[in-house]
Protein backbone atom coordinates (compact mmCIF):
# COMPACT_ATOMS: atom_id res chain seq x y z
CA MET A 1 -39.44 19.80 -80.02
CA THR A 2 -41.36 22.76 -78.64
CA SER A 3 -43.43 22.17 -75.52
CA PRO A 4 -47.03 23.41 -75.42
CA GLU A 5 -46.10 25.98 -72.75
CA LEU A 6 -43.22 27.35 -74.84
CA ALA A 7 -45.40 27.52 -77.96
CA THR A 8 -48.10 29.39 -76.01
CA ASN A 9 -45.59 31.85 -74.54
CA LEU A 10 -43.99 32.47 -77.95
CA ALA A 11 -47.41 33.11 -79.46
CA ARG A 12 -48.27 35.56 -76.65
CA PHE A 13 -44.97 37.37 -77.10
CA ALA A 14 -45.49 37.55 -80.89
CA GLU A 15 -48.99 38.91 -80.35
CA MET A 16 -47.64 41.74 -78.17
CA GLU A 17 -44.45 42.52 -80.08
CA GLY A 18 -45.23 41.34 -83.62
CA ARG A 19 -42.18 39.07 -83.65
CA HIS A 20 -40.41 36.32 -81.73
CA PRO A 21 -38.09 37.30 -78.88
CA ARG A 22 -34.72 38.40 -80.25
CA LEU A 23 -31.38 37.36 -78.81
CA LEU A 24 -27.84 38.58 -79.56
CA LEU A 25 -25.12 36.00 -78.95
CA ALA A 26 -21.53 37.07 -78.28
CA THR A 27 -18.37 35.48 -76.89
CA ALA A 28 -16.09 36.67 -74.10
CA SER A 29 -12.91 35.38 -75.77
CA SER A 30 -11.74 33.30 -78.71
CA VAL A 31 -11.95 30.19 -76.47
CA GLU A 32 -15.76 30.20 -76.74
CA GLU A 33 -16.13 30.77 -80.49
CA SER A 34 -16.39 27.06 -81.22
CA HIS A 35 -19.63 26.99 -79.18
CA HIS A 36 -21.42 29.66 -81.24
CA LYS A 37 -23.21 27.23 -83.53
CA HIS A 38 -24.40 24.90 -80.75
CA VAL A 39 -25.76 27.70 -78.55
CA ALA A 40 -27.28 29.65 -81.45
CA THR A 41 -29.02 26.52 -82.76
CA LEU A 42 -30.43 25.67 -79.36
CA PHE A 43 -31.91 29.14 -78.87
CA ALA A 44 -33.20 29.26 -82.45
CA ASP A 45 -34.85 25.87 -81.96
CA GLY A 46 -36.32 27.29 -78.74
CA GLY A 47 -38.13 30.02 -80.67
CA PHE A 48 -35.70 32.94 -80.53
CA ASP A 49 -34.58 35.04 -83.46
CA VAL A 50 -30.82 34.81 -83.00
CA ASP A 51 -28.23 37.34 -84.14
CA ILE A 52 -24.53 36.66 -83.64
CA ALA A 53 -21.97 39.34 -82.85
CA PRO A 54 -18.92 39.27 -85.11
CA LYS A 55 -15.77 37.59 -83.83
CA ASN A 56 -13.41 39.84 -81.90
CA SER A 57 -16.17 42.36 -81.06
CA ASP A 58 -15.58 44.51 -78.01
CA ALA A 59 -18.15 45.31 -75.33
CA GLN A 60 -19.16 48.65 -76.87
CA SER A 61 -19.80 47.20 -80.32
CA ILE A 62 -21.72 44.26 -78.84
CA ALA A 63 -23.94 46.63 -76.86
CA ARG A 64 -24.47 48.79 -79.94
CA GLN A 65 -25.39 45.74 -82.02
CA ALA A 66 -27.86 44.60 -79.33
CA VAL A 67 -29.59 47.98 -79.53
CA ASP A 68 -29.45 48.12 -83.34
CA CYS A 69 -30.95 44.64 -83.80
CA ASP A 70 -33.66 45.36 -81.19
CA ALA A 71 -32.52 42.47 -78.99
CA ASP A 72 -34.53 41.55 -75.93
CA ILE A 73 -31.65 39.50 -74.55
CA LEU A 74 -27.87 39.63 -74.82
CA VAL A 75 -26.14 36.31 -74.16
CA LEU A 76 -22.39 36.13 -73.58
CA ILE A 77 -20.75 32.73 -73.93
CA ARG A 78 -18.15 32.71 -71.18
CA LEU A 79 -16.58 29.35 -70.40
CA SER A 80 -12.99 29.83 -69.42
CA LEU A 81 -12.77 31.83 -66.24
CA THR A 82 -8.99 31.78 -66.52
CA ALA A 83 -8.70 33.00 -70.13
CA GLU A 84 -8.07 36.65 -70.83
CA ASP A 85 -11.54 37.96 -71.67
CA ARG A 86 -11.79 40.22 -74.68
CA VAL A 87 -15.25 41.16 -73.41
CA GLY A 88 -15.84 41.55 -69.69
CA VAL A 89 -19.22 41.34 -68.00
CA ALA A 90 -18.79 44.71 -66.29
CA ASP A 91 -17.82 46.29 -69.63
CA VAL A 92 -20.98 44.97 -71.30
CA ILE A 93 -23.15 46.21 -68.44
CA SER A 94 -21.59 49.68 -68.56
CA SER A 95 -21.80 49.76 -72.37
CA LEU A 96 -25.52 48.93 -72.25
CA ALA A 97 -26.01 51.61 -69.58
CA ALA A 98 -24.17 54.19 -71.71
CA LEU A 99 -26.69 53.50 -74.49
CA ASP A 100 -29.67 53.67 -72.07
CA ALA A 101 -30.27 50.01 -72.91
CA GLU A 102 -30.59 48.50 -69.44
CA TYR A 103 -33.91 47.09 -70.67
CA ILE A 104 -31.94 44.47 -72.61
CA LYS A 105 -31.63 41.44 -70.34
CA PHE A 106 -28.05 40.20 -70.09
CA GLY A 107 -26.94 36.70 -69.24
CA ILE A 108 -24.12 34.21 -69.43
CA VAL A 109 -23.91 30.75 -70.96
CA GLY A 110 -20.98 29.02 -69.36
CA LYS A 111 -20.51 27.76 -65.83
CA THR A 112 -23.05 28.20 -63.06
CA ASP A 113 -20.29 29.13 -60.60
CA ASP A 114 -19.23 32.11 -62.73
CA PRO A 115 -18.20 34.88 -60.32
CA ALA A 116 -20.17 37.41 -62.41
CA ARG A 117 -23.46 35.51 -61.86
CA ASP A 118 -24.71 38.07 -59.33
CA ASN A 119 -24.32 40.90 -61.85
CA VAL A 120 -26.36 39.40 -64.69
CA ASP A 121 -30.00 38.47 -65.17
CA PHE A 122 -29.37 34.75 -65.70
CA VAL A 123 -26.63 32.11 -66.02
CA PHE A 124 -27.03 28.85 -67.93
CA ASP A 125 -24.61 25.94 -67.72
CA LEU A 126 -23.37 25.17 -71.24
CA GLU A 127 -22.93 21.47 -70.47
CA HIS A 128 -26.60 21.14 -69.50
CA LEU A 129 -28.14 23.82 -71.73
CA GLY A 130 -31.44 22.56 -73.06
CA THR A 131 -34.93 23.42 -74.19
CA ASP A 132 -36.12 23.90 -70.61
CA ASP A 133 -33.67 26.82 -70.37
CA CYS A 134 -35.26 28.33 -73.49
CA GLU A 135 -38.70 27.85 -71.94
CA ALA A 136 -37.59 29.60 -68.75
CA LEU A 137 -36.02 32.47 -70.68
CA VAL A 138 -39.06 32.99 -72.91
CA GLY A 139 -41.29 32.93 -69.81
CA TYR A 140 -39.03 35.49 -68.13
CA ILE A 141 -39.03 37.82 -71.13
CA LEU A 142 -42.79 37.42 -71.61
CA GLU A 143 -43.42 38.39 -67.98
CA ILE A 144 -41.31 41.52 -68.41
CA GLU A 145 -43.12 42.46 -71.64
CA GLU A 146 -46.54 41.89 -70.07
CA ASP A 147 -45.57 44.12 -67.12
CA ARG A 148 -44.28 46.79 -69.51
CA VAL A 149 -47.48 46.70 -71.58
CA ALA A 150 -49.67 46.78 -68.45
CA GLN A 151 -47.88 49.93 -67.25
CA HIS A 152 -48.71 51.73 -70.50
CA ILE A 153 -52.41 50.89 -70.52
């Protein structure tokens, strides 16, 4: 169920951008792939247009897809801090920078104690991921868009 605040923020974003906020969902390794559906559904229910990166994508192709699908946010599901990551946080950040796409906000869904938490825009705990996280993320993106629009007026 969408809260009144979330509905208002989604409407304001749609008024400015002509669409809902767009999110690209990717996984760090094959360990996380079973969580795709759960996380994608939660964000879609929270008002995001959700695109999913193909399995086994590398950081460069994920960054390229984020740009190509006009994503506002790139979310990496990263649960196992001991598994060999196919996609590293630093690699995604540098791949976005190489495409001049630092404007795409990048975050992790996984564990709040992720050592990469200081290098990303947000971290959500998968075990407690809920609609309030979607509300916070939409509010965050809306604030950025409003600032961007205000600078161009």
